[in-house]
Every structure is written in structure tokens, then in C-alpha cells.
């Protein structure tokens, strides 16, 4: 039911918006590298690409945070 939604940690709106803006910028950059225009994608495709890029950014943030924590503990993990 609704309990699954409440168990997720919600980030502040400002953080979520900055993440979304960064993801949109990365998707636009990827489109330029691919040589395609935004108009060649449907709205659903663009939303999917942005959502995937957001997940990619979040996973990168997690690993960087882990690397910083390991560094503070004196563990070298090669980041």
C-alpha cells in the first residue's frame, strides 16, 4: 500500500531539483554527442533518459561518499 512510499528517504526539493537539472544537462550533452536533436525523441523517451541519468548520478554520489568515508578511516580504495 502506501507504506512502501513512506519508507523511502525523501531529499529536500532543492536537492532533487538540482539533481534533475544536472541530469537534464547530461542527457542534452549525450544527445549532442549522438548527433540527435531533442525533437527526435518522444516525451516518454526523454523522461526515461532523464530518470536513468538521475539514477546514474545518485549511484556516483553514493560511491564518492563511500570513498570519502574510507579515506577518513585511512583505507585506500583507489578513487
PDB file of N, CA and C in Angstrom:
ATOM      1  N   UNK A   1       0.824  -1.185   0.000  1.00  0.00           N
ATOM      2  CA  UNK A   1       0.000   0.000   0.000  1.00  0.00           C
ATOM      3  C   UNK A   1       0.870   1.252   0.000  1.00  0.00           C
ATOM      4  N   UNK A   2       0.521   2.197   0.839  1.00  0.00           N
ATOM      5  CA  UNK A   2       1.249   3.458   0.913  1.00  0.00           C
ATOM      6  C   UNK A   2       2.489   3.359   1.797  1.00  0.00           C
ATOM      7  N   UNK A   3       2.638   2.280   2.550  1.00  0.00           N
ATOM      8  CA  UNK A   3       3.784   2.166   3.454  1.00  0.00           C
ATOM      9  C   UNK A   3       5.099   2.087   2.697  1.00  0.00           C
ATOM     10  N   UNK A   4       5.085   1.528   1.479  1.00  0.00           N
ATOM     11  CA  UNK A   4       6.316   1.429   0.693  1.00  0.00           C
ATOM     12  C   UNK A   4       6.825   2.815   0.305  1.00  0.00           C
ATOM     13  N   UNK A   5       5.913   3.728  -0.017  1.00  0.00           N
ATOM     14  CA  UNK A   5       6.315   5.074  -0.406  1.00  0.00           C
ATOM     15  C   UNK A   5       6.909   5.831   0.773  1.00  0.00           C
ATOM     16  N   UNK A   6       6.386   5.631   1.972  1.00  0.00           N
ATOM     17  CA  UNK A   6       6.856   6.362   3.130  1.00  0.00           C
ATOM     18  C   UNK A   6       8.190   5.836   3.633  1.00  0.00           C
ATOM     19  N   UNK A   7       8.545   4.611   3.289  1.00  0.00           N
ATOM     20  CA  UNK A   7       9.808   4.057   3.760  1.00  0.00           C
ATOM     21  C   UNK A   7      11.010   4.644   3.016  1.00  0.00           C
ATOM     22  N   UNK A   8      10.770   5.225   1.833  1.00  0.00           N
ATOM     23  CA  UNK A   8      11.864   5.834   1.079  1.00  0.00           C
ATOM     24  C   UNK A   8      12.265   7.155   1.717  1.00  0.00           C
ATOM     25  N   UNK A   9      13.553   7.425   1.684  1.00  0.00           N
ATOM     26  CA  UNK A   9      14.079   8.684   2.194  1.00  0.00           C
ATOM     27  C   UNK A   9      13.859   9.757   1.142  1.00  0.00           C
ATOM     28  N   UNK A  10      13.195  10.843   1.503  1.00  0.00           N
ATOM     29  CA  UNK A  10      12.929  11.929   0.576  1.00  0.00           C
ATOM     30  C   UNK A  10      13.942  13.037   0.793  1.00  0.00           C
ATOM     31  N   UNK A  11      14.597  13.424  -0.266  1.00  0.00           N
ATOM     32  CA  UNK A  11      15.554  14.506  -0.205  1.00  0.00           C
ATOM     33  C   UNK A  11      14.798  15.829  -0.314  1.00  0.00           C
ATOM     34  N   UNK A  12      15.365  16.903   0.180  1.00  0.00           N
ATOM     35  CA  UNK A  12      14.708  18.214   0.051  1.00  0.00           C
ATOM     36  C   UNK A  12      14.469  18.560  -1.418  1.00  0.00           C
ATOM     37  N   UNK A  13      13.444  19.341  -1.655  1.00  0.00           N
ATOM     38  CA  UNK A  13      13.051  19.696  -3.012  1.00  0.00           C
ATOM     39  C   UNK A  13      14.187  20.371  -3.781  1.00  0.00           C
ATOM     40  N   UNK A  14      14.953  21.205  -3.113  1.00  0.00           N
ATOM     41  CA  UNK A  14      16.061  21.908  -3.771  1.00  0.00           C
ATOM     42  C   UNK A  14      17.096  20.906  -4.282  1.00  0.00           C
ATOM     43  N   UNK A  15      17.399  19.906  -3.476  1.00  0.00           N
ATOM     44  CA  UNK A  15      18.386  18.889  -3.863  1.00  0.00           C
ATOM     45  C   UNK A  15      17.862  18.074  -5.038  1.00  0.00           C
ATOM     46  N   UNK A  16      16.593  17.678  -4.957  1.00  0.00           N
ATOM     47  CA  UNK A  16      16.011  16.905  -6.057  1.00  0.00           C
ATOM     48  C   UNK A  16      15.984  17.713  -7.339  1.00  0.00           C
ATOM     49  N   UNK A  17      15.691  19.025  -7.265  1.00  0.00           N
ATOM     50  CA  UNK A  17      15.647  19.866  -8.459  1.00  0.00           C
ATOM     51  C   UNK A  17      17.037  20.042  -9.057  1.00  0.00           C
ATOM     52  N   UNK A  18      18.048  20.228  -8.207  1.00  0.00           N
ATOM     53  CA  UNK A  18      19.425  20.365  -8.716  1.00  0.00           C
ATOM     54  C   UNK A  18      19.883  19.075  -9.390  1.00  0.00           C
ATOM     55  N   UNK A  19      19.517  17.935  -8.809  1.00  0.00           N
ATOM     56  CA  UNK A  19      19.848  16.650  -9.405  1.00  0.00           C
ATOM     57  C   UNK A  19      19.166  16.512 -10.758  1.00  0.00           C
ATOM     58  N   UNK A  20      17.900  16.886 -10.824  1.00  0.00           N
ATOM     59  CA  UNK A  20      17.156  16.787 -12.081  1.00  0.00           C
ATOM     60  C   UNK A  20      17.761  17.710 -13.138  1.00  0.00           C
ATOM     61  N   UNK A  21      18.119  18.930 -12.744  1.00  0.00           N
ATOM     62  CA  UNK A  21      18.735  19.868 -13.692  1.00  0.00           C
ATOM     63  C   UNK A  21      20.051  19.329 -14.224  1.00  0.00           C
ATOM     64  N   UNK A  22      20.840  18.739 -13.333  1.00  0.00           N
ATOM     65  CA  UNK A  22      22.113  18.157 -13.765  1.00  0.00           C
ATOM     66  C   UNK A  22      21.880  16.982 -14.715  1.00  0.00           C
ATOM     67  N   UNK A  23      20.880  16.156 -14.420  1.00  0.00           N
ATOM     68  CA  UNK A  23      20.563  15.015 -15.278  1.00  0.00           C
ATOM     69  C   UNK A  23      20.106  15.490 -16.654  1.00  0.00           C
ATOM     70  N   UNK A  24      19.288  16.532 -16.700  1.00  0.00           N
ATOM     71  CA  UNK A  24      18.825  17.068 -17.982  1.00  0.00           C
ATOM     72  C   UNK A  24      20.005  17.587 -18.791  1.00  0.00           C
ATOM     73  N   UNK A  25      20.918  18.285 -18.140  1.00  0.00           N
ATOM     74  CA  UNK A  25      22.095  18.796 -18.839  1.00  0.00           C
ATOM     75  C   UNK A  25      22.939  17.655 -19.397  1.00  0.00           C
ATOM     76  N   UNK A  26      23.102  16.587 -18.625  1.00  0.00           N
ATOM     77  CA  UNK A  26      23.883  15.435 -19.097  1.00  0.00           C
ATOM     78  C   UNK A  26      23.193  14.743 -20.265  1.00  0.00           C
ATOM     79  N   UNK A  27      21.865  14.623 -20.213  1.00  0.00           N
ATOM     80  CA  UNK A  27      21.129  13.992 -21.311  1.00  0.00           C
ATOM     81  C   UNK A  27      21.268  14.837 -22.575  1.00  0.00           C
ATOM     82  N   UNK A  28      21.179  16.151 -22.444  1.00  0.00           N
ATOM     83  CA  UNK A  28      21.361  17.026 -23.609  1.00  0.00           C
ATOM     84  C   UNK A  28      22.769  16.867 -24.182  1.00  0.00           C
ATOM     85  N   UNK A  29      23.747  16.767 -23.300  1.00  0.00           N
ATOM     86  CA  UNK A  29      25.125  16.579 -23.746  1.00  0.00           C
ATOM     87  C   UNK A  29      25.264  15.238 -24.482  1.00  0.00           C
ATOM     88  N   UNK A  30      24.633  14.189 -23.960  1.00  0.00           N
ATOM     89  CA  UNK A  30      24.677  12.881 -24.620  1.00  0.00           C
ATOM     90  C   UNK A  30      24.004  12.936 -25.990  1.00  0.00           C
ATOM     91  N   UNK A  31      22.908  13.705 -26.105  1.00  0.00           N
ATOM     92  CA  UNK A  31      22.226  13.840 -27.390  1.00  0.00           C
ATOM     93  C   UNK A  31      23.113  14.549 -28.408  1.00  0.00           C
ATOM     94  N   UNK A  32      23.849  15.560 -27.953  1.00  0.00           N
ATOM     95  CA  UNK A  32      24.759  16.282 -28.848  1.00  0.00           C
ATOM     96  C   UNK A  32      25.846  15.338 -29.343  1.00  0.00           C
ATOM     97  N   UNK A  33      26.384  14.518 -28.432  1.00  0.00           N
ATOM     98  CA  UNK A  33      27.418  13.559 -28.826  1.00  0.00           C
ATOM     99  C   UNK A  33      26.876  12.513 -29.791  1.00  0.00           C
ATOM    100  N   UNK A  34      25.599  12.168 -29.628  1.00  0.00           N
ATOM    101  CA  UNK A  34      24.982  11.182 -30.517  1.00  0.00           C
ATOM    102  C   UNK A  34      24.556  11.800 -31.850  1.00  0.00           C
ATOM    103  N   UNK A  35      24.567  13.143 -31.921  1.00  0.00           N
ATOM    104  CA  UNK A  35      24.185  13.803 -33.159  1.00  0.00           C
ATOM    105  C   UNK A  35      22.688  13.844 -33.386  1.00  0.00           C
ATOM    106  N   UNK A  36      21.918  13.764 -32.307  1.00  0.00           N
ATOM    107  CA  UNK A  36      20.453  13.797 -32.423  1.00  0.00           C
ATOM    108  C   UNK A  36      19.914  15.056 -31.776  1.00  0.00           C
ATOM    109  N   UNK A  37      18.696  15.388 -32.141  1.00  0.00           N
ATOM    110  CA  UNK A  37      18.028  16.572 -31.637  1.00  0.00           C
ATOM    111  C   UNK A  37      16.951  16.159 -30.636  1.00  0.00           C
ATOM    112  N   UNK A  38      16.609  17.065 -29.726  1.00  0.00           N
ATOM    113  CA  UNK A  38      15.561  16.756 -28.739  1.00  0.00           C
ATOM    114  C   UNK A  38      14.245  16.412 -29.408  1.00  0.00           C
ATOM    115  N   UNK A  39      13.965  17.036 -30.529  1.00  0.00           N
ATOM    116  CA  UNK A  39      12.691  16.801 -31.215  1.00  0.00           C
ATOM    117  C   UNK A  39      12.592  15.387 -31.795  1.00  0.00           C
ATOM    118  N   UNK A  40      13.716  14.689 -31.919  1.00  0.00           N
ATOM    119  CA  UNK A  40      13.676  13.325 -32.450  1.00  0.00           C
ATOM    120  C   UNK A  40      13.291  12.296 -31.384  1.00  0.00           C
ATOM    121  N   UNK A  41      13.153  12.729 -30.145  1.00  0.00           N
ATOM    122  CA  UNK A  41      12.742  11.853 -29.043  1.00  0.00           C
ATOM    123  C   UNK A  41      11.313  12.194 -28.639  1.00  0.00           C
ATOM    124  N   UNK A  42      10.568  11.180 -28.222  1.00  0.00           N
ATOM    125  CA  UNK A  42       9.234  11.434 -27.680  1.00  0.00           C
ATOM    126  C   UNK A  42       9.368  11.902 -26.227  1.00  0.00           C
ATOM    127  N   UNK A  43       8.295  12.419 -25.677  1.00  0.00           N
ATOM    128  CA  UNK A  43       8.323  12.899 -24.295  1.00  0.00           C
ATOM    129  C   UNK A  43       8.619  11.759 -23.326  1.00  0.00           C
ATOM    130  N   UNK A  44       8.061  10.575 -23.600  1.00  0.00           N
ATOM    131  CA  UNK A  44       8.308   9.418 -22.738  1.00  0.00           C
ATOM    132  C   UNK A  44       9.770   8.979 -22.802  1.00  0.00           C
ATOM    133  N   UNK A  45      10.356   9.026 -23.986  1.00  0.00           N
ATOM    134  CA  UNK A  45      11.763   8.657 -24.116  1.00  0.00           C
ATOM    135  C   UNK A  45      12.665   9.628 -23.359  1.00  0.00           C
ATOM    136  N   UNK A  46      12.355  10.918 -23.467  1.00  0.00           N
ATOM    137  CA  UNK A  46      13.149  11.913 -22.754  1.00  0.00           C
ATOM    138  C   UNK A  46      13.028  11.728 -21.240  1.00  0.00           C
ATOM    139  N   UNK A  47      11.824  11.465 -20.759  1.00  0.00           N
ATOM    140  CA  UNK A  47      11.620  11.256 -19.329  1.00  0.00           C
ATOM    141  C   UNK A  47      12.389  10.026 -18.854  1.00  0.00           C
ATOM    142  N   UNK A  48      12.384   8.973 -19.662  1.00  0.00           N
ATOM    143  CA  UNK A  48      13.122   7.755 -19.319  1.00  0.00           C
ATOM    144  C   UNK A  48      14.629   8.041 -19.262  1.00  0.00           C
ATOM    145  N   UNK A  49      15.149   8.764 -20.259  1.00  0.00           N
ATOM    146  CA  UNK A  49      16.570   9.079 -20.288  1.00  0.00           C
ATOM    147  C   UNK A  49      16.988   9.914 -19.080  1.00  0.00           C
ATOM    148  N   UNK A  50      16.155  10.886 -18.714  1.00  0.00           N
ATOM    149  CA  UNK A  50      16.470  11.730 -17.560  1.00  0.00           C
ATOM    150  C   UNK A  50      16.425  10.906 -16.277  1.00  0.00           C
ATOM    151  N   UNK A  51      15.426  10.037 -16.145  1.00  0.00           N
ATOM    152  CA  UNK A  51      15.317   9.199 -14.943  1.00  0.00           C
ATOM    153  C   UNK A  51      16.523   8.271 -14.809  1.00  0.00           C
ATOM    154  N   UNK A  52      16.958   7.686 -15.911  1.00  0.00           N
ATOM    155  CA  UNK A  52      18.134   6.819 -15.876  1.00  0.00           C
ATOM    156  C   UNK A  52      19.396   7.594 -15.514  1.00  0.00           C
ATOM    157  N   UNK A  53      19.515   8.807 -16.035  1.00  0.00           N
ATOM    158  CA  UNK A  53      20.684   9.633 -15.722  1.00  0.00           C
ATOM    159  C   UNK A  53      20.664  10.039 -14.254  1.00  0.00           C
ATOM    160  N   UNK A  54      19.463  10.309 -13.691  1.00  0.00           N
ATOM    161  CA  UNK A  54      19.354  10.622 -12.264  1.00  0.00           C
ATOM    162  C   UNK A  54      19.845   9.456 -11.420  1.00  0.00           C
ATOM    163  N   UNK A  55      19.446   8.235 -11.785  1.00  0.00           N
ATOM    164  CA  UNK A  55      19.907   7.051 -11.055  1.00  0.00           C
ATOM    165  C   UNK A  55      21.430   6.922 -11.143  1.00  0.00           C
ATOM    166  N   UNK A  56      21.967   7.195 -12.323  1.00  0.00           N
ATOM    167  CA  UNK A  56      23.416   7.116 -12.522  1.00  0.00           C
ATOM    168  C   UNK A  56      24.144   8.134 -11.641  1.00  0.00           C
ATOM    169  N   UNK A  57      23.607   9.344 -11.573  1.00  0.00           N
ATOM    170  CA  UNK A  57      24.220  10.387 -10.742  1.00  0.00           C
ATOM    171  C   UNK A  57      24.142  10.004  -9.272  1.00  0.00           C
ATOM    172  N   UNK A  58      22.985   9.492  -8.831  1.00  0.00           N
ATOM    173  CA  UNK A  58      22.839   9.086  -7.423  1.00  0.00           C
ATOM    174  C   UNK A  58      23.818   7.981  -7.063  1.00  0.00           C
ATOM    175  N   UNK A  59      23.985   7.010  -7.960  1.00  0.00           N
ATOM    176  CA  UNK A  59      24.916   5.918  -7.648  1.00  0.00           C
ATOM    177  C   UNK A  59      26.347   6.448  -7.572  1.00  0.00           C
ATOM    178  N   UNK A  60      26.687   7.421  -8.407  1.00  0.00           N
ATOM    179  CA  UNK A  60      28.015   8.027  -8.354  1.00  0.00           C
ATOM    180  C   UNK A  60      28.243   8.779  -7.057  1.00  0.00           C
ATOM    181  N   UNK A  61      27.205   9.472  -6.598  1.00  0.00           N
ATOM    182  CA  UNK A  61      27.299  10.191  -5.331  1.00  0.00           C
ATOM    183  C   UNK A  61      27.526   9.214  -4.186  1.00  0.00           C
ATOM    184  N   UNK A  62      26.842   8.089  -4.231  1.00  0.00           N
ATOM    185  CA  UNK A  62      26.999   7.078  -3.181  1.00  0.00           C
ATOM    186  C   UNK A  62      28.412   6.548  -3.103  1.00  0.00           C
ATOM    187  N   UNK A  63      29.004   6.245  -4.261  1.00  0.00           N
ATOM    188  CA  UNK A  63      30.364   5.712  -4.264  1.00  0.00           C
ATOM    189  C   UNK A  63      31.367   6.761  -3.834  1.00  0.00           C
ATOM    190  N   UNK A  64      31.130   8.016  -4.210  1.00  0.00           N
ATOM    191  CA  UNK A  64      32.046   9.074  -3.788  1.00  0.00           C
ATOM    192  C   UNK A  64      31.979   9.252  -2.278  1.00  0.00           C
ATOM    193  N   UNK A  65      30.776   9.196  -1.727  1.00  0.00           N
ATOM    194  CA  UNK A  65      30.622   9.310  -0.273  1.00  0.00           C
ATOM    195  C   UNK A  65      31.305   8.163   0.444  1.00  0.00           C
ATOM    196  N   UNK A  66      31.192   6.964  -0.121  1.00  0.00           N
ATOM    197  CA  UNK A  66      31.864   5.803   0.449  1.00  0.00           C
ATOM    198  C   UNK A  66      33.370   5.983   0.394  1.00  0.00           C
ATOM    199  N   UNK A  67      33.861   6.530  -0.730  1.00  0.00           N
ATOM    200  CA  UNK A  67      35.298   6.764  -0.881  1.00  0.00           C
ATOM    201  C   UNK A  67      35.821   7.769   0.127  1.00  0.00           C
ATOM    202  N   UNK A  68      35.045   8.823   0.372  1.00  0.00           N
ATOM    203  CA  UNK A  68      35.448   9.832   1.353  1.00  0.00           C
ATOM    204  C   UNK A  68      35.474   9.226   2.750  1.00  0.00           C
ATOM    205  N   UNK A  69      34.455   8.436   3.076  1.00  0.00           N
ATOM    206  CA  UNK A  69      34.410   7.799   4.396  1.00  0.00           C
ATOM    207  C   UNK A  69      35.598   6.848   4.572  1.00  0.00           C
ATOM    208  N   UNK A  70      35.907   6.085   3.533  1.00  0.00           N
ATOM    209  CA  UNK A  70      37.041   5.164   3.607  1.00  0.00           C
ATOM    210  C   UNK A  70      38.347   5.928   3.760  1.00  0.00           C
ATOM    211  N   UNK A  71      38.462   7.050   3.053  1.00  0.00           N
ATOM    212  CA  UNK A  71      39.672   7.857   3.146  1.00  0.00           C
ATOM    213  C   UNK A  71      39.849   8.406   4.562  1.00  0.00           C
ATOM    214  N   UNK A  72      38.747   8.826   5.164  1.00  0.00           N
ATOM    215  CA  UNK A  72      38.823   9.329   6.539  1.00  0.00           C
ATOM    216  C   UNK A  72      39.238   8.237   7.519  1.00  0.00           C
ATOM    217  N   UNK A  73      38.894   7.001   7.196  1.00  0.00           N
ATOM    218  CA  UNK A  73      39.277   5.873   8.044  1.00  0.00           C
ATOM    219  C   UNK A  73      40.680   5.354   7.714  1.00  0.00           C
ATOM    220  N   UNK A  74      41.309   5.935   6.687  1.00  0.00           N
ATOM    221  CA  UNK A  74      42.668   5.535   6.328  1.00  0.00           C
ATOM    222  C   UNK A  74      42.717   4.349   5.391  1.00  0.00           C
ATOM    223  N   UNK A  75      41.627   4.092   4.676  1.00  0.00           N
ATOM    224  CA  UNK A  75      41.563   2.970   3.739  1.00  0.00           C
ATOM    225  C   UNK A  75      41.690   3.517   2.326  1.00  0.00           C
ATOM    226  N   UNK A  76      42.623   3.015   1.550  1.00  0.00           N
ATOM    227  CA  UNK A  76      42.794   3.444   0.179  1.00  0.00           C
ATOM    228  C   UNK A  76      42.053   2.475  -0.728  1.00  0.00           C
ATOM    229  N   UNK A  77      41.002   2.968  -1.430  1.00  0.00           N
ATOM    230  CA  UNK A  77      40.242   2.106  -2.327  1.00  0.00           C
ATOM    231  C   UNK A  77      40.439   2.489  -3.784  1.00  0.00           C
ATOM    232  N   UNK A  78      41.316   3.435  -4.043  1.00  0.00           N
ATOM    233  CA  UNK A  78      41.665   3.783  -5.412  1.00  0.00           C
ATOM    234  C   UNK A  78      40.710   4.721  -6.112  1.00  0.00           C
ATOM    235  N   UNK A  79      39.994   5.534  -5.375  1.00  0.00           N
ATOM    236  CA  UNK A  79      39.083   6.504  -6.006  1.00  0.00           C
ATOM    237  C   UNK A  79      39.823   7.799  -6.197  1.00  0.00           C
TER     238      UNK A  79
END
